[in-house]
Amino acid sequence: MRPMRQTRQTRPMNREIPSPDITVDGTGLLCVTLLLRLRKEIDGAPPGTVVHVIATDPAAPLDLPAWCHMTGHHYLGPVPSGEQPAFALRLAADALPTRAGAPWHPATP
């Protein structure tokens, strides 16, 4: 029998999440409001900034990676040791801007 080929989903996650430069507290916020707060908090932050987002919305583990994928920021994953659920991302230099009042939509030129 062949050994199972490791893929991104089967590989153990051994990487350490870096400490945050910015922490966005989205406790009690639904993802729409959370993304509005996140967009506001990272406005003007330089590329490479590590952001930890505290998010209690059950949809956050899906919505935050999707938002990062849409914008081009780098989703780093869940922050392992915290009292509240938190997720990490790193801001990208070439990230796509989003609409001020609708950060789940790309900005129109």
C-alpha atoms as a PDB file:
ATOM      1  CA  MET A   1       0.000   0.000   0.000  1.00  0.00           C
ATOM      2  CA  ARG A   2       1.320   3.452  -0.922  1.00  0.00           C
ATOM      3  CA  PRO A   3       1.802   6.069   1.797  1.00  0.00           C
ATOM      4  CA  MET A   4      -0.666   8.907   1.676  1.00  0.00           C
ATOM      5  CA  ARG A   5       0.666  11.861  -0.318  1.00  0.00           C
ATOM      6  CA  GLN A   6       0.768  14.995   1.799  1.00  0.00           C
ATOM      7  CA  THR A   7      -1.200  17.923   0.485  1.00  0.00           C
ATOM      8  CA  ARG A   8      -1.803  21.335   1.955  1.00  0.00           C
ATOM      9  CA  GLN A   9      -4.818  19.927   3.826  1.00  0.00           C
ATOM     10  CA  THR A  10      -2.995  16.885   5.237  1.00  0.00           C
ATOM     11  CA  ARG A  11       0.309  18.535   6.187  1.00  0.00           C
ATOM     12  CA  PRO A  12       0.526  19.472   9.868  1.00  0.00           C
ATOM     13  CA  MET A  13       0.515  23.188  10.521  1.00  0.00           C
ATOM     14  CA  ASN A  14       3.807  23.714  12.367  1.00  0.00           C
ATOM     15  CA  ARG A  15       4.379  27.327  11.531  1.00  0.00           C
ATOM     16  CA  GLU A  16       4.263  29.907  14.259  1.00  0.00           C
ATOM     17  CA  ILE A  17       1.917  32.861  13.942  1.00  0.00           C
ATOM     18  CA  PRO A  18       3.866  36.141  14.328  1.00  0.00           C
ATOM     19  CA  SER A  19       3.006  38.650  17.050  1.00  0.00           C
ATOM     20  CA  PRO A  20       0.594  41.367  15.923  1.00  0.00           C
ATOM     21  CA  ASP A  21       1.503  44.886  14.919  1.00  0.00           C
ATOM     22  CA  ILE A  22      -2.235  45.710  15.012  1.00  0.00           C
ATOM     23  CA  THR A  23      -5.043  43.919  16.858  1.00  0.00           C
ATOM     24  CA  VAL A  24      -8.612  44.457  15.686  1.00  0.00           C
ATOM     25  CA  ASP A  25     -11.213  43.548  18.305  1.00  0.00           C
ATOM     26  CA  GLY A  26     -14.319  42.315  16.546  1.00  0.00           C
ATOM     27  CA  THR A  27     -15.859  40.649  19.594  1.00  0.00           C
ATOM     28  CA  GLY A  28     -19.609  40.387  19.105  1.00  0.00           C
ATOM     29  CA  LEU A  29     -19.530  41.743  15.550  1.00  0.00           C
ATOM     30  CA  LEU A  30     -20.982  39.984  12.546  1.00  0.00           C
ATOM     31  CA  CYS A  31     -18.559  39.630   9.663  1.00  0.00           C
ATOM     32  CA  VAL A  32     -19.980  42.567   7.697  1.00  0.00           C
ATOM     33  CA  THR A  33     -19.309  44.951  10.582  1.00  0.00           C
ATOM     34  CA  LEU A  34     -16.053  43.170  11.381  1.00  0.00           C
ATOM     35  CA  LEU A  35     -14.761  43.773   7.841  1.00  0.00           C
ATOM     36  CA  LEU A  36     -15.760  47.449   8.077  1.00  0.00           C
ATOM     37  CA  ARG A  37     -13.766  47.769  11.318  1.00  0.00           C
ATOM     38  CA  LEU A  38     -10.831  45.789   9.895  1.00  0.00           C
ATOM     39  CA  ARG A  39     -10.680  47.953   6.782  1.00  0.00           C
ATOM     40  CA  LYS A  40     -10.706  51.119   8.901  1.00  0.00           C
ATOM     41  CA  GLU A  41      -8.012  49.836  11.300  1.00  0.00           C
ATOM     42  CA  ILE A  42      -5.574  48.785   8.561  1.00  0.00           C
ATOM     43  CA  ASP A  43      -6.022  51.936   6.473  1.00  0.00           C
ATOM     44  CA  GLY A  44      -2.567  53.433   6.019  1.00  0.00           C
ATOM     45  CA  ALA A  45      -0.703  50.499   7.620  1.00  0.00           C
ATOM     46  CA  PRO A  46       2.425  49.519   5.708  1.00  0.00           C
ATOM     47  CA  PRO A  47       2.798  46.251   3.783  1.00  0.00           C
ATOM     48  CA  GLY A  48       4.095  43.440   5.970  1.00  0.00           C
ATOM     49  CA  THR A  49       2.048  44.564   8.967  1.00  0.00           C
ATOM     50  CA  VAL A  50       0.750  41.568  10.913  1.00  0.00           C
ATOM     51  CA  VAL A  51      -2.860  41.952  12.014  1.00  0.00           C
ATOM     52  CA  HIS A  52      -4.640  39.759  14.552  1.00  0.00           C
ATOM     53  CA  VAL A  53      -8.414  39.891  14.286  1.00  0.00           C
ATOM     54  CA  ILE A  54     -10.456  38.815  17.306  1.00  0.00           C
ATOM     55  CA  ALA A  55     -13.662  37.446  15.816  1.00  0.00           C
ATOM     56  CA  THR A  56     -16.470  35.652  17.615  1.00  0.00           C
ATOM     57  CA  ASP A  57     -18.737  35.396  14.562  1.00  0.00           C
ATOM     58  CA  PRO A  58     -18.942  31.694  13.625  1.00  0.00           C
ATOM     59  CA  ALA A  59     -18.523  32.642   9.945  1.00  0.00           C
ATOM     60  CA  ALA A  60     -15.170  34.395  10.542  1.00  0.00           C
ATOM     61  CA  PRO A  61     -13.019  31.282   9.889  1.00  0.00           C
ATOM     62  CA  LEU A  62     -14.468  31.225   6.372  1.00  0.00           C
ATOM     63  CA  ASP A  63     -15.007  34.924   5.723  1.00  0.00           C
ATOM     64  CA  LEU A  64     -11.565  36.215   6.728  1.00  0.00           C
ATOM     65  CA  PRO A  65      -9.598  33.849   4.442  1.00  0.00           C
ATOM     66  CA  ALA A  66     -12.051  34.617   1.616  1.00  0.00           C
ATOM     67  CA  TRP A  67     -11.595  38.366   2.145  1.00  0.00           C
ATOM     68  CA  CYS A  68      -7.809  37.953   2.152  1.00  0.00           C
ATOM     69  CA  HIS A  69      -8.031  35.928  -1.060  1.00  0.00           C
ATOM     70  CA  MET A  70     -10.188  38.614  -2.677  1.00  0.00           C
ATOM     71  CA  THR A  71      -7.950  41.512  -1.638  1.00  0.00           C
ATOM     72  CA  GLY A  72      -4.550  39.842  -1.913  1.00  0.00           C
ATOM     73  CA  HIS A  73      -3.609  40.082   1.767  1.00  0.00           C
ATOM     74  CA  HIS A  74      -1.991  36.960   3.223  1.00  0.00           C
ATOM     75  CA  TYR A  75      -4.131  34.875   5.563  1.00  0.00           C
ATOM     76  CA  LEU A  76      -1.852  33.301   8.183  1.00  0.00           C
ATOM     77  CA  GLY A  77      -4.465  31.242  10.013  1.00  0.00           C
ATOM     78  CA  PRO A  78      -5.975  30.994  13.458  1.00  0.00           C
ATOM     79  CA  VAL A  79      -3.992  32.314  16.398  1.00  0.00           C
ATOM     80  CA  PRO A  80      -3.553  29.222  18.582  1.00  0.00           C
ATOM     81  CA  SER A  81      -3.316  30.472  22.142  1.00  0.00           C
ATOM     82  CA  GLY A  82      -5.896  33.036  23.023  1.00  0.00           C
ATOM     83  CA  GLU A  83      -8.895  33.421  25.234  1.00  0.00           C
ATOM     84  CA  GLN A  84     -11.043  34.443  22.276  1.00  0.00           C
ATOM     85  CA  PRO A  85     -10.938  33.179  18.689  1.00  0.00           C
ATOM     86  CA  ALA A  86      -8.426  35.219  16.694  1.00  0.00           C
ATOM     87  CA  PHE A  87      -7.057  35.029  13.177  1.00  0.00           C
ATOM     88  CA  ALA A  88      -3.876  36.447  11.697  1.00  0.00           C
ATOM     89  CA  LEU A  89      -3.134  38.102   8.384  1.00  0.00           C
ATOM     90  CA  ARG A  90      -0.225  39.979   6.849  1.00  0.00           C
ATOM     91  CA  LEU A  91      -0.898  43.065   4.744  1.00  0.00           C
ATOM     92  CA  ALA A  92       0.307  42.878   1.153  1.00  0.00           C
ATOM     93  CA  ALA A  93       1.879  45.686  -0.854  1.00  0.00           C
ATOM     94  CA  ASP A  94      -0.181  44.874  -3.932  1.00  0.00           C
ATOM     95  CA  ALA A  95      -3.535  44.347  -2.174  1.00  0.00           C
ATOM     96  CA  LEU A  96      -6.640  45.427  -4.025  1.00  0.00           C
ATOM     97  CA  PRO A  97      -8.561  48.296  -2.442  1.00  0.00           C
ATOM     98  CA  THR A  98     -12.152  47.733  -1.360  1.00  0.00           C
ATOM     99  CA  ARG A  99     -15.153  50.022  -1.128  1.00  0.00           C
ATOM    100  CA  ALA A 100     -15.238  52.137   2.039  1.00  0.00           C
ATOM    101  CA  GLY A 101     -18.798  51.156   2.951  1.00  0.00           C
ATOM    102  CA  ALA A 102     -18.634  47.650   1.481  1.00  0.00           C
ATOM    103  CA  PRO A 103     -15.222  46.062   2.085  1.00  0.00           C
ATOM    104  CA  TRP A 104     -16.373  42.764   0.606  1.00  0.00           C
ATOM    105  CA  HIS A 105     -16.480  44.470  -2.836  1.00  0.00           C
ATOM    106  CA  PRO A 106     -13.453  45.684  -4.805  1.00  0.00           C
ATOM    107  CA  ALA A 107     -13.208  49.469  -5.168  1.00  0.00           C
ATOM    108  CA  THR A 108     -14.199  50.784  -8.548  1.00  0.00           C
ATOM    109  CA  PRO A 109     -11.686  52.965 -10.363  1.00  0.00           C
END
